[in-house]
PDB file of N, CA and C in Angstrom:
ATOM      1  N   MET A   1       0.842  -1.181   0.000  1.00  0.00           N
ATOM      2  CA  MET A   1       0.000   0.000   0.000  1.00  0.00           C
ATOM      3  C   MET A   1       0.889   1.246   0.000  1.00  0.00           C
ATOM      4  N   THR A   2       0.490   2.246  -0.751  1.00  0.00           N
ATOM      5  CA  THR A   2       1.222   3.498  -0.841  1.00  0.00           C
ATOM      6  C   THR A   2       0.891   4.385   0.345  1.00  0.00           C
ATOM      7  N   LYS A   3       1.925   4.940   0.963  1.00  0.00           N
ATOM      8  CA  LYS A   3       1.739   5.845   2.096  1.00  0.00           C
ATOM      9  C   LYS A   3       1.350   7.226   1.568  1.00  0.00           C
ATOM     10  N   THR A   4       0.335   7.819   2.135  1.00  0.00           N
ATOM     11  CA  THR A   4      -0.131   9.144   1.750  1.00  0.00           C
ATOM     12  C   THR A   4       0.731  10.221   2.399  1.00  0.00           C
ATOM     13  N   ILE A   5       1.088  11.240   1.601  1.00  0.00           N
ATOM     14  CA  ILE A   5       1.800  12.397   2.124  1.00  0.00           C
ATOM     15  C   ILE A   5       0.971  13.644   1.826  1.00  0.00           C
ATOM     16  N   THR A   6       1.318  14.721   2.465  1.00  0.00           N
ATOM     17  CA  THR A   6       0.620  15.972   2.205  1.00  0.00           C
ATOM     18  C   THR A   6       1.325  16.723   1.078  1.00  0.00           C
ATOM     19  N   PHE A   7       0.640  17.723   0.539  1.00  0.00           N
ATOM     20  CA  PHE A   7       1.280  18.561  -0.477  1.00  0.00           C
ATOM     21  C   PHE A   7       2.485  19.268   0.126  1.00  0.00           C
ATOM     22  N   GLU A   8       2.395  19.629   1.397  1.00  0.00           N
ATOM     23  CA  GLU A   8       3.523  20.273   2.080  1.00  0.00           C
ATOM     24  C   GLU A   8       4.741  19.350   2.089  1.00  0.00           C
ATOM     25  N   ASP A   9       4.514  18.044   2.331  1.00  0.00           N
ATOM     26  CA  ASP A   9       5.618  17.074   2.277  1.00  0.00           C
ATOM     27  C   ASP A   9       6.240  17.066   0.883  1.00  0.00           C
ATOM     28  N   PHE A  10       5.413  16.973  -0.136  1.00  0.00           N
ATOM     29  CA  PHE A  10       5.898  16.918  -1.519  1.00  0.00           C
ATOM     30  C   PHE A  10       6.652  18.195  -1.887  1.00  0.00           C
ATOM     31  N   SER A  11       6.152  19.332  -1.448  1.00  0.00           N
ATOM     32  CA  SER A  11       6.751  20.613  -1.831  1.00  0.00           C
ATOM     33  C   SER A  11       8.166  20.792  -1.273  1.00  0.00           C
ATOM     34  N   LYS A  12       8.567  19.967  -0.316  1.00  0.00           N
ATOM     35  CA  LYS A  12       9.929  20.018   0.221  1.00  0.00           C
ATOM     36  C   LYS A  12      10.933  19.373  -0.728  1.00  0.00           C
ATOM     37  N   THR A  13      10.455  18.585  -1.680  1.00  0.00           N
ATOM     38  CA  THR A  13      11.327  17.890  -2.621  1.00  0.00           C
ATOM     39  C   THR A  13      11.674  18.823  -3.772  1.00  0.00           C
ATOM     40  N   ASP A  14      12.956  19.058  -3.985  1.00  0.00           N
ATOM     41  CA  ASP A  14      13.421  19.942  -5.052  1.00  0.00           C
ATOM     42  C   ASP A  14      13.824  19.092  -6.257  1.00  0.00           C
ATOM     43  N   LEU A  15      12.930  19.019  -7.244  1.00  0.00           N
ATOM     44  CA  LEU A  15      13.161  18.254  -8.469  1.00  0.00           C
ATOM     45  C   LEU A  15      13.635  19.207  -9.552  1.00  0.00           C
ATOM     46  N   ARG A  16      14.743  18.866 -10.188  1.00  0.00           N
ATOM     47  CA  ARG A  16      15.310  19.733 -11.220  1.00  0.00           C
ATOM     48  C   ARG A  16      15.745  18.926 -12.435  1.00  0.00           C
ATOM     49  N   VAL A  17      15.820  19.619 -13.565  1.00  0.00           N
ATOM     50  CA  VAL A  17      16.336  19.029 -14.800  1.00  0.00           C
ATOM     51  C   VAL A  17      17.823  19.349 -14.895  1.00  0.00           C
ATOM     52  N   GLY A  18      18.585  18.341 -15.254  1.00  0.00           N
ATOM     53  CA  GLY A  18      20.020  18.528 -15.461  1.00  0.00           C
ATOM     54  C   GLY A  18      20.477  17.738 -16.674  1.00  0.00           C
ATOM     55  N   THR A  19      21.657  18.069 -17.166  1.00  0.00           N
ATOM     56  CA  THR A  19      22.249  17.371 -18.304  1.00  0.00           C
ATOM     57  C   THR A  19      23.492  16.620 -17.841  1.00  0.00           C
ATOM     58  N   ILE A  20      23.552  15.344 -18.185  1.00  0.00           N
ATOM     59  CA  ILE A  20      24.715  14.526 -17.834  1.00  0.00           C
ATOM     60  C   ILE A  20      25.886  14.963 -18.711  1.00  0.00           C
ATOM     61  N   ILE A  21      26.960  15.422 -18.071  1.00  0.00           N
ATOM     62  CA  ILE A  21      28.115  15.913 -18.829  1.00  0.00           C
ATOM     63  C   ILE A  21      29.325  14.983 -18.742  1.00  0.00           C
ATOM     64  N   GLU A  22      29.251  14.004 -17.846  1.00  0.00           N
ATOM     65  CA  GLU A  22      30.345  13.028 -17.736  1.00  0.00           C
ATOM     66  C   GLU A  22      29.788  11.737 -17.152  1.00  0.00           C
ATOM     67  N   VAL A  23      30.248  10.605 -17.684  1.00  0.00           N
ATOM     68  CA  VAL A  23      29.819   9.288 -17.203  1.00  0.00           C
ATOM     69  C   VAL A  23      31.066   8.430 -17.005  1.00  0.00           C
ATOM     70  N   ASN A  24      31.178   7.829 -15.828  1.00  0.00           N
ATOM     71  CA  ASN A  24      32.323   6.969 -15.536  1.00  0.00           C
ATOM     72  C   ASN A  24      31.853   5.634 -14.969  1.00  0.00           C
ATOM     73  N   ASP A  25      32.619   4.585 -15.239  1.00  0.00           N
ATOM     74  CA  ASP A  25      32.349   3.300 -14.620  1.00  0.00           C
ATOM     75  C   ASP A  25      32.531   3.436 -13.113  1.00  0.00           C
ATOM     76  N   PHE A  26      31.866   2.555 -12.362  1.00  0.00           N
ATOM     77  CA  PHE A  26      31.951   2.588 -10.907  1.00  0.00           C
ATOM     78  C   PHE A  26      32.148   1.159 -10.385  1.00  0.00           C
ATOM     79  N   PRO A  27      33.326   0.590 -10.625  1.00  0.00           N
ATOM     80  CA  PRO A  27      33.559  -0.804 -10.248  1.00  0.00           C
ATOM     81  C   PRO A  27      33.502  -1.066  -8.740  1.00  0.00           C
ATOM     82  N   GLU A  28      33.679  -0.039  -7.909  1.00  0.00           N
ATOM     83  CA  GLU A  28      33.638  -0.207  -6.451  1.00  0.00           C
ATOM     84  C   GLU A  28      32.212  -0.320  -5.905  1.00  0.00           C
ATOM     85  N   ALA A  29      31.224   0.021  -6.695  1.00  0.00           N
ATOM     86  CA  ALA A  29      29.832  -0.029  -6.235  1.00  0.00           C
ATOM     87  C   ALA A  29      29.411  -1.477  -5.988  1.00  0.00           C
ATOM     88  N   ARG A  30      28.588  -1.693  -4.986  1.00  0.00           N
ATOM     89  CA  ARG A  30      28.099  -3.032  -4.651  1.00  0.00           C
ATOM     90  C   ARG A  30      27.288  -3.618  -5.796  1.00  0.00           C
ATOM     91  N   ASN A  31      26.446  -2.799  -6.427  1.00  0.00           N
ATOM     92  CA  ASN A  31      25.656  -3.204  -7.591  1.00  0.00           C
ATOM     93  C   ASN A  31      26.155  -2.417  -8.791  1.00  0.00           C
ATOM     94  N   PRO A  32      26.050  -2.994 -10.002  1.00  0.00           N
ATOM     95  CA  PRO A  32      26.546  -2.282 -11.184  1.00  0.00           C
ATOM     96  C   PRO A  32      25.953  -0.867 -11.281  1.00  0.00           C
ATOM     97  N   ALA A  33      26.842   0.121 -11.459  1.00  0.00           N
ATOM     98  CA  ALA A  33      26.407   1.524 -11.474  1.00  0.00           C
ATOM     99  C   ALA A  33      27.394   2.361 -12.275  1.00  0.00           C
ATOM    100  N   TYR A  34      26.936   3.560 -12.607  1.00  0.00           N
ATOM    101  CA  TYR A  34      27.798   4.574 -13.202  1.00  0.00           C
ATOM    102  C   TYR A  34      27.931   5.731 -12.222  1.00  0.00           C
ATOM    103  N   GLN A  35      29.046   6.445 -12.336  1.00  0.00           N
ATOM    104  CA  GLN A  35      29.200   7.730 -11.666  1.00  0.00           C
ATOM    105  C   GLN A  35      28.833   8.795 -12.693  1.00  0.00           C
ATOM    106  N   LEU A  36      27.855   9.627 -12.364  1.00  0.00           N
ATOM    107  CA  LEU A  36      27.386  10.670 -13.276  1.00  0.00           C
ATOM    108  C   LEU A  36      27.795  12.040 -12.750  1.00  0.00           C
ATOM    109  N   ILE A  37      28.189  12.914 -13.649  1.00  0.00           N
ATOM    110  CA  ILE A  37      28.415  14.322 -13.349  1.00  0.00           C
ATOM    111  C   ILE A  37      27.332  15.064 -14.126  1.00  0.00           C
ATOM    112  N   ILE A  38      26.524  15.857 -13.410  1.00  0.00           N
ATOM    113  CA  ILE A  38      25.318  16.448 -13.988  1.00  0.00           C
ATOM    114  C   ILE A  38      25.340  17.961 -13.816  1.00  0.00           C
ATOM    115  N   ASP A  39      25.070  18.673 -14.911  1.00  0.00           N
ATOM    116  CA  ASP A  39      25.019  20.132 -14.907  1.00  0.00           C
ATOM    117  C   ASP A  39      23.588  20.581 -14.624  1.00  0.00           C
ATOM    118  N   PHE A  40      23.398  21.282 -13.509  1.00  0.00           N
ATOM    119  CA  PHE A  40      22.083  21.816 -13.136  1.00  0.00           C
ATOM    120  C   PHE A  40      22.022  23.334 -13.306  1.00  0.00           C
ATOM    121  N   GLY A  41      22.739  23.866 -14.260  1.00  0.00           N
ATOM    122  CA  GLY A  41      22.686  25.297 -14.550  1.00  0.00           C
ATOM    123  C   GLY A  41      23.135  26.128 -13.365  1.00  0.00           C
ATOM    124  N   ASP A  42      22.281  27.080 -12.944  1.00  0.00           N
ATOM    125  CA  ASP A  42      22.621  27.991 -11.845  1.00  0.00           C
ATOM    126  C   ASP A  42      22.877  27.271 -10.519  1.00  0.00           C
ATOM    127  N   LEU A  43      22.365  26.030 -10.368  1.00  0.00           N
ATOM    128  CA  LEU A  43      22.602  25.254  -9.148  1.00  0.00           C
ATOM    129  C   LEU A  43      23.988  24.626  -9.129  1.00  0.00           C
ATOM    130  N   GLY A  44      24.651  24.637 -10.270  1.00  0.00           N
ATOM    131  CA  GLY A  44      25.989  24.071 -10.362  1.00  0.00           C
ATOM    132  C   GLY A  44      25.990  22.633 -10.838  1.00  0.00           C
ATOM    133  N   VAL A  45      27.125  21.998 -10.669  1.00  0.00           N
ATOM    134  CA  VAL A  45      27.342  20.619 -11.104  1.00  0.00           C
ATOM    135  C   VAL A  45      27.273  19.719  -9.883  1.00  0.00           C
ATOM    136  N   LYS A  46      26.542  18.604 -10.017  1.00  0.00           N
ATOM    137  CA  LYS A  46      26.414  17.646  -8.918  1.00  0.00           C
ATOM    138  C   LYS A  46      26.766  16.249  -9.418  1.00  0.00           C
ATOM    139  N   LYS A  47      27.182  15.400  -8.481  1.00  0.00           N
ATOM    140  CA  LYS A  47      27.536  14.020  -8.790  1.00  0.00           C
ATOM    141  C   LYS A  47      26.443  13.081  -8.297  1.00  0.00           C
ATOM    142  N   SER A  48      26.289  11.954  -9.018  1.00  0.00           N
ATOM    143  CA  SER A  48      25.333  10.944  -8.599  1.00  0.00           C
ATOM    144  C   SER A  48      25.822   9.565  -9.002  1.00  0.00           C
ATOM    145  N   SER A  49      25.555   8.592  -8.157  1.00  0.00           N
ATOM    146  CA  SER A  49      25.764   7.197  -8.506  1.00  0.00           C
ATOM    147  C   SER A  49      24.416   6.654  -8.949  1.00  0.00           C
ATOM    148  N   ALA A  50      24.379   5.996 -10.119  1.00  0.00           N
ATOM    149  CA  ALA A  50      23.100   5.525 -10.645  1.00  0.00           C
ATOM    150  C   ALA A  50      23.226   4.089 -11.153  1.00  0.00           C
ATOM    151  N   GLN A  51      22.336   3.230 -10.678  1.00  0.00           N
ATOM    152  CA  GLN A  51      22.302   1.830 -11.101  1.00  0.00           C
ATOM    153  C   GLN A  51      21.459   1.712 -12.367  1.00  0.00           C
ATOM    154  N   ILE A  52      22.025   2.174 -13.477  1.00  0.00           N
ATOM    155  CA  ILE A  52      21.286   2.233 -14.749  1.00  0.00           C
ATOM    156  C   ILE A  52      22.058   1.544 -15.871  1.00  0.00           C
ATOM    157  N   THR A  53      22.900   0.583 -15.508  1.00  0.00           N
ATOM    158  CA  THR A  53      23.795  -0.038 -16.489  1.00  0.00           C
ATOM    159  C   THR A  53      23.113  -1.065 -17.383  1.00  0.00           C
ATOM    160  N   THR A  54      21.941  -1.562 -17.003  1.00  0.00           N
ATOM    161  CA  THR A  54      21.311  -2.612 -17.819  1.00  0.00           C
ATOM    162  C   THR A  54      20.700  -2.063 -19.108  1.00  0.00           C
ATOM    163  N   LEU A  55      20.243  -0.823 -19.101  1.00  0.00           N
ATOM    164  CA  LEU A  55      19.582  -0.262 -20.289  1.00  0.00           C
ATOM    165  C   LEU A  55      20.366   0.850 -20.978  1.00  0.00           C
ATOM    166  N   TYR A  56      21.383   1.402 -20.300  1.00  0.00           N
ATOM    167  CA  TYR A  56      22.088   2.561 -20.850  1.00  0.00           C
ATOM    168  C   TYR A  56      23.591   2.320 -20.908  1.00  0.00           C
ATOM    169  N   SER A  57      24.189   2.665 -22.035  1.00  0.00           N
ATOM    170  CA  SER A  57      25.647   2.684 -22.135  1.00  0.00           C
ATOM    171  C   SER A  57      26.122   4.079 -21.746  1.00  0.00           C
ATOM    172  N   LYS A  58      27.412   4.215 -21.525  1.00  0.00           N
ATOM    173  CA  LYS A  58      27.959   5.535 -21.198  1.00  0.00           C
ATOM    174  C   LYS A  58      27.699   6.511 -22.340  1.00  0.00           C
ATOM    175  N   THR A  59      27.797   6.044 -23.559  1.00  0.00           N
ATOM    176  CA  THR A  59      27.546   6.900 -24.731  1.00  0.00           C
ATOM    177  C   THR A  59      26.086   7.360 -24.768  1.00  0.00           C
ATOM    178  N   ASP A  60      25.145   6.458 -24.428  1.00  0.00           N
ATOM    179  CA  ASP A  60      23.718   6.823 -24.394  1.00  0.00           C
ATOM    180  C   ASP A  60      23.454   7.958 -23.418  1.00  0.00           C
ATOM    181  N   LEU A  61      24.184   7.980 -22.325  1.00  0.00           N
ATOM    182  CA  LEU A  61      23.905   8.912 -21.230  1.00  0.00           C
ATOM    183  C   LEU A  61      24.515  10.290 -21.422  1.00  0.00           C
ATOM    184  N   LEU A  62      25.628  10.362 -22.134  1.00  0.00           N
ATOM    185  CA  LEU A  62      26.316  11.639 -22.290  1.00  0.00           C
ATOM    186  C   LEU A  62      25.411  12.653 -22.991  1.00  0.00           C
ATOM    187  N   ASN A  63      25.245  13.812 -22.397  1.00  0.00           N
ATOM    188  CA  ASN A  63      24.406  14.915 -22.889  1.00  0.00           C
ATOM    189  C   ASN A  63      22.906  14.650 -22.787  1.00  0.00           C
ATOM    190  N   LYS A  64      22.507  13.612 -22.069  1.00  0.00           N
ATOM    191  CA  LYS A  64      21.089  13.307 -21.859  1.00  0.00           C
ATOM    192  C   LYS A  64      20.565  14.148 -20.704  1.00  0.00           C
ATOM    193  N   GLN A  65      19.390  14.730 -20.882  1.00  0.00           N
ATOM    194  CA  GLN A  65      18.747  15.444 -19.783  1.00  0.00           C
ATOM    195  C   GLN A  65      17.996  14.447 -18.915  1.00  0.00           C
ATOM    196  N   ILE A  66      18.055  14.675 -17.610  1.00  0.00           N
ATOM    197  CA  ILE A  66      17.401  13.806 -16.625  1.00  0.00           C
ATOM    198  C   ILE A  66      16.697  14.676 -15.586  1.00  0.00           C
ATOM    199  N   ILE A  67      15.929  14.020 -14.739  1.00  0.00           N
ATOM    200  CA  ILE A  67      15.280  14.689 -13.608  1.00  0.00           C
ATOM    201  C   ILE A  67      15.864  14.081 -12.342  1.00  0.00           C
ATOM    202  N   ALA A  68      16.197  14.943 -11.383  1.00  0.00           N
ATOM    203  CA  ALA A  68      16.806  14.464 -10.140  1.00  0.00           C
ATOM    204  C   ALA A  68      16.293  15.254  -8.948  1.00  0.00           C
ATOM    205  N   VAL A  69      16.343  14.615  -7.793  1.00  0.00           N
ATOM    206  CA  VAL A  69      16.112  15.289  -6.516  1.00  0.00           C
ATOM    207  C   VAL A  69      17.455  15.887  -6.113  1.00  0.00           C
ATOM    208  N   VAL A  70      17.485  17.205  -5.922  1.00  0.00           N
ATOM    209  CA  VAL A  70      18.767  17.875  -5.653  1.00  0.00           C
ATOM    210  C   VAL A  70      18.923  18.343  -4.210  1.00  0.00           C
ATOM    211  N   ASN A  71      17.921  18.089  -3.354  1.00  0.00           N
ATOM    212  CA  ASN A  71      18.041  18.576  -1.976  1.00  0.00           C
ATOM    213  C   ASN A  71      18.071  17.468  -0.926  1.00  0.00           C
ATOM    214  N   PHE A  72      18.463  16.261  -1.320  1.00  0.00           N
ATOM    215  CA  PHE A  72      18.763  15.225  -0.335  1.00  0.00           C
ATOM    216  C   PHE A  72      20.168  15.488   0.213  1.00  0.00           C
ATOM    217  N   PRO A  73      20.470  15.024   1.413  1.00  0.00           N
ATOM    218  CA  PRO A  73      21.849  15.134   1.884  1.00  0.00           C
ATOM    219  C   PRO A  73      22.755  14.234   1.037  1.00  0.00           C
ATOM    220  N   SER A  74      24.024  14.595   0.931  1.00  0.00           N
ATOM    221  CA  SER A  74      24.981  13.770   0.188  1.00  0.00           C
ATOM    222  C   SER A  74      25.081  12.400   0.844  1.00  0.00           C
ATOM    223  N   LYS A  75      25.388  11.385   0.007  1.00  0.00           N
ATOM    224  CA  LYS A  75      25.485  10.013   0.505  1.00  0.00           C
ATOM    225  C   LYS A  75      26.776   9.389  -0.006  1.00  0.00           C
ATOM    226  N   GLN A  76      27.546   8.835   0.916  1.00  0.00           N
ATOM    227  CA  GLN A  76      28.800   8.163   0.566  1.00  0.00           C
ATOM    228  C   GLN A  76      28.484   6.780   0.007  1.00  0.00           C
ATOM    229  N   ILE A  77      28.973   6.508  -1.213  1.00  0.00           N
ATOM    230  CA  ILE A  77      28.838   5.191  -1.828  1.00  0.00           C
ATOM    231  C   ILE A  77      30.240   4.771  -2.238  1.00  0.00           C
ATOM    232  N   ALA A  78      30.782   3.781  -1.531  1.00  0.00           N
ATOM    233  CA  ALA A  78      32.191   3.407  -1.677  1.00  0.00           C
ATOM    234  C   ALA A  78      33.029   4.668  -1.446  1.00  0.00           C
ATOM    235  N   LYS A  79      33.904   5.036  -2.385  1.00  0.00           N
ATOM    236  CA  LYS A  79      34.730   6.240  -2.214  1.00  0.00           C
ATOM    237  C   LYS A  79      34.155   7.426  -2.989  1.00  0.00           C
ATOM    238  N   PHE A  80      32.867   7.375  -3.314  1.00  0.00           N
ATOM    239  CA  PHE A  80      32.217   8.397  -4.139  1.00  0.00           C
ATOM    240  C   PHE A  80      31.109   9.056  -3.334  1.00  0.00           C
ATOM    241  N   MET A  81      31.021  10.388  -3.396  1.00  0.00           N
ATOM    242  CA  MET A  81      29.976  11.122  -2.690  1.00  0.00           C
ATOM    243  C   MET A  81      28.867  11.472  -3.682  1.00  0.00           C
ATOM    244  N   SER A  82      27.707  10.836  -3.528  1.00  0.00           N
ATOM    245  CA  SER A  82      26.560  11.106  -4.384  1.00  0.00           C
ATOM    246  C   SER A  82      25.802  12.301  -3.817  1.00  0.00           C
ATOM    247  N   GLU A  83      25.548  13.312  -4.672  1.00  0.00           N
ATOM    248  CA  GLU A  83      24.965  14.579  -4.208  1.00  0.00           C
ATOM    249  C   GLU A  83      23.528  14.805  -4.652  1.00  0.00           C
ATOM    250  N   CYS A  84      22.997  13.923  -5.485  1.00  0.00           N
ATOM    251  CA  CYS A  84      21.613  14.042  -5.925  1.00  0.00           C
ATOM    252  C   CYS A  84      21.100  12.654  -6.299  1.00  0.00           C
ATOM    253  N   LEU A  85      19.781  12.530  -6.435  1.00  0.00           N
ATOM    254  CA  LEU A  85      19.157  11.253  -6.779  1.00  0.00           C
ATOM    255  C   LEU A  85      18.494  11.367  -8.148  1.00  0.00           C
ATOM    256  N   VAL A  86      19.043  10.652  -9.121  1.00  0.00           N
ATOM    257  CA  VAL A  86      18.476  10.624 -10.471  1.00  0.00           C
ATOM    258  C   VAL A  86      17.233   9.743 -10.430  1.00  0.00           C
ATOM    259  N   LEU A  87      16.138  10.215 -11.042  1.00  0.00           N
ATOM    260  CA  LEU A  87      14.868   9.501 -10.973  1.00  0.00           C
ATOM    261  C   LEU A  87      14.632   8.629 -12.202  1.00  0.00           C
ATOM    262  N   GLY A  88      14.008   7.483 -11.962  1.00  0.00           N
ATOM    263  CA  GLY A  88      13.673   6.584 -13.050  1.00  0.00           C
ATOM    264  C   GLY A  88      12.535   5.659 -12.659  1.00  0.00           C
ATOM    265  N   ALA A  89      11.905   5.086 -13.661  1.00  0.00           N
ATOM    266  CA  ALA A  89      10.874   4.075 -13.449  1.00  0.00           C
ATOM    267  C   ALA A  89      11.587   2.732 -13.328  1.00  0.00           C
ATOM    268  N   VAL A  90      11.306   1.995 -12.245  1.00  0.00           N
ATOM    269  CA  VAL A  90      12.016   0.755 -11.956  1.00  0.00           C
ATOM    270  C   VAL A  90      11.147  -0.445 -12.310  1.00  0.00           C
ATOM    271  N   SER A  91      11.749  -1.344 -13.104  1.00  0.00           N
ATOM    272  CA  SER A  91      11.083  -2.588 -13.471  1.00  0.00           C
ATOM    273  C   SER A  91      12.104  -3.705 -13.304  1.00  0.00           C
ATOM    274  N   GLY A  92      12.082  -4.370 -12.147  1.00  0.00           N
ATOM    275  CA  GLY A  92      13.096  -5.384 -11.847  1.00  0.00           C
ATOM    276  C   GLY A  92      14.451  -4.716 -11.709  1.00  0.00           C
ATOM    277  N   LYS A  93      15.443  -5.158 -12.512  1.00  0.00           N
ATOM    278  CA  LYS A  93      16.774  -4.548 -12.481  1.00  0.00           C
ATOM    279  C   LYS A  93      16.901  -3.421 -13.496  1.00  0.00           C
ATOM    280  N   ASP A  94      15.868  -3.197 -14.291  1.00  0.00           N
ATOM    281  CA  ASP A  94      15.895  -2.137 -15.301  1.00  0.00           C
ATOM    282  C   ASP A  94      15.359  -0.835 -14.718  1.00  0.00           C
ATOM    283  N   VAL A  95      16.067   0.249 -15.035  1.00  0.00           N
ATOM    284  CA  VAL A  95      15.627   1.583 -14.632  1.00  0.00           C
ATOM    285  C   VAL A  95      15.546   2.435 -15.894  1.00  0.00           C
ATOM    286  N   ILE A  96      14.356   2.977 -16.165  1.00  0.00           N
ATOM    287  CA  ILE A  96      14.142   3.862 -17.309  1.00  0.00           C
ATOM    288  C   ILE A  96      14.148   5.280 -16.774  1.00  0.00           C
ATOM    289  N   LEU A  97      15.127   6.065 -17.199  1.00  0.00           N
ATOM    290  CA  LEU A  97      15.287   7.419 -16.678  1.00  0.00           C
ATOM    291  C   LEU A  97      14.106   8.315 -17.022  1.00  0.00           C
ATOM    292  N   LEU A  98      13.741   9.175 -16.069  1.00  0.00           N
ATOM    293  CA  LEU A  98      12.728  10.192 -16.322  1.00  0.00           C
ATOM    294  C   LEU A  98      13.428  11.402 -16.925  1.00  0.00           C
ATOM    295  N   ASN A  99      12.835  11.965 -17.947  1.00  0.00           N
ATOM    296  CA  ASN A  99      13.438  13.136 -18.590  1.00  0.00           C
ATOM    297  C   ASN A  99      12.357  13.962 -19.266  1.00  0.00           C
ATOM    298  N   PRO A 100      12.632  15.256 -19.497  1.00  0.00           N
ATOM    299  CA  PRO A 100      11.646  16.105 -20.167  1.00  0.00           C
ATOM    300  C   PRO A 100      11.465  15.659 -21.616  1.00  0.00           C
ATOM    301  N   GLU A 101      10.275  15.844 -22.120  1.00  0.00           N
ATOM    302  CA  GLU A 101       9.961  15.471 -23.500  1.00  0.00           C
ATOM    303  C   GLU A 101      10.749  16.306 -24.502  1.00  0.00           C
ATOM    304  N   LYS A 102      10.964  17.574 -24.156  1.00  0.00           N
ATOM    305  CA  LYS A 102      11.744  18.484 -25.003  1.00  0.00           C
ATOM    306  C   LYS A 102      12.892  19.046 -24.175  1.00  0.00           C
ATOM    307  N   ARG A 103      13.942  19.460 -24.868  1.00  0.00           N
ATOM    308  CA  ARG A 103      15.111  20.020 -24.183  1.00  0.00           C
ATOM    309  C   ARG A 103      14.713  21.327 -23.476  1.00  0.00           C
ATOM    310  N   VAL A 104      15.142  21.455 -22.210  1.00  0.00           N
ATOM    311  CA  VAL A 104      14.857  22.659 -21.418  1.00  0.00           C
ATOM    312  C   VAL A 104      16.160  23.153 -20.805  1.00  0.00           C
ATOM    313  N   LYS A 105      16.105  24.330 -20.199  1.00  0.00           N
ATOM    314  CA  LYS A 105      17.279  24.909 -19.552  1.00  0.00           C
ATOM    315  C   LYS A 105      17.652  24.064 -18.324  1.00  0.00           C
ATOM    316  N   ASN A 106      18.957  23.813 -18.178  1.00  0.00           N
ATOM    317  CA  ASN A 106      19.430  23.086 -16.985  1.00  0.00           C
ATOM    318  C   ASN A 106      19.052  23.842 -15.733  1.00  0.00           C
ATOM    319  N   GLY A 107      18.585  23.091 -14.727  1.00  0.00           N
ATOM    320  CA  GLY A 107      18.226  23.673 -13.452  1.00  0.00           C
ATOM    321  C   GLY A 107      16.763  24.031 -13.330  1.00  0.00           C
ATOM    322  N   VAL A 108      16.016  23.912 -14.429  1.00  0.00           N
ATOM    323  CA  VAL A 108      14.591  24.254 -14.356  1.00  0.00           C
ATOM    324  C   VAL A 108      13.905  23.330 -13.366  1.00  0.00           C
ATOM    325  N   SER A 109      12.953  23.873 -12.627  1.00  0.00           N
ATOM    326  CA  SER A 109      12.234  23.146 -11.589  1.00  0.00           C
ATOM    327  C   SER A 109      11.164  22.243 -12.193  1.00  0.00           C
ATOM    328  N   VAL A 110      10.952  21.097 -11.559  1.00  0.00           N
ATOM    329  CA  VAL A 110       9.913  20.148 -11.966  1.00  0.00           C
ATOM    330  C   VAL A 110       8.870  20.122 -10.862  1.00  0.00           C
ATOM    331  N   SER A 111       7.597  20.248 -11.254  1.00  0.00           N
ATOM    332  CA  SER A 111       6.538  20.209 -10.236  1.00  0.00           C
ATOM    333  C   SER A 111       5.372  19.396 -10.728  1.00  0.00           C
TER     334      SER A 111
END
């Protein structure tokens, strides 16, 4: 069952569009993952670890716009500090990234 939250709870989540500008392998991760460097425009550049290796190659991801939560606290994953959470639809081990239908300015808010 899905837990109900209030609009006030949801409004605390800062969802933004960013463009992946660098993708690196992450062999130290417990589960297969990439290290992503993402440009969020005026918010700056943030790093994220993403378990998206089953459907995306590094080439597929470069310059791809994504949607991420940018106001979670940083999380240490192996020797990498993840600073945002890239969003995707999860189906088993496959993750399909959420992204805007058309190209938008980096850092634009999602609501």
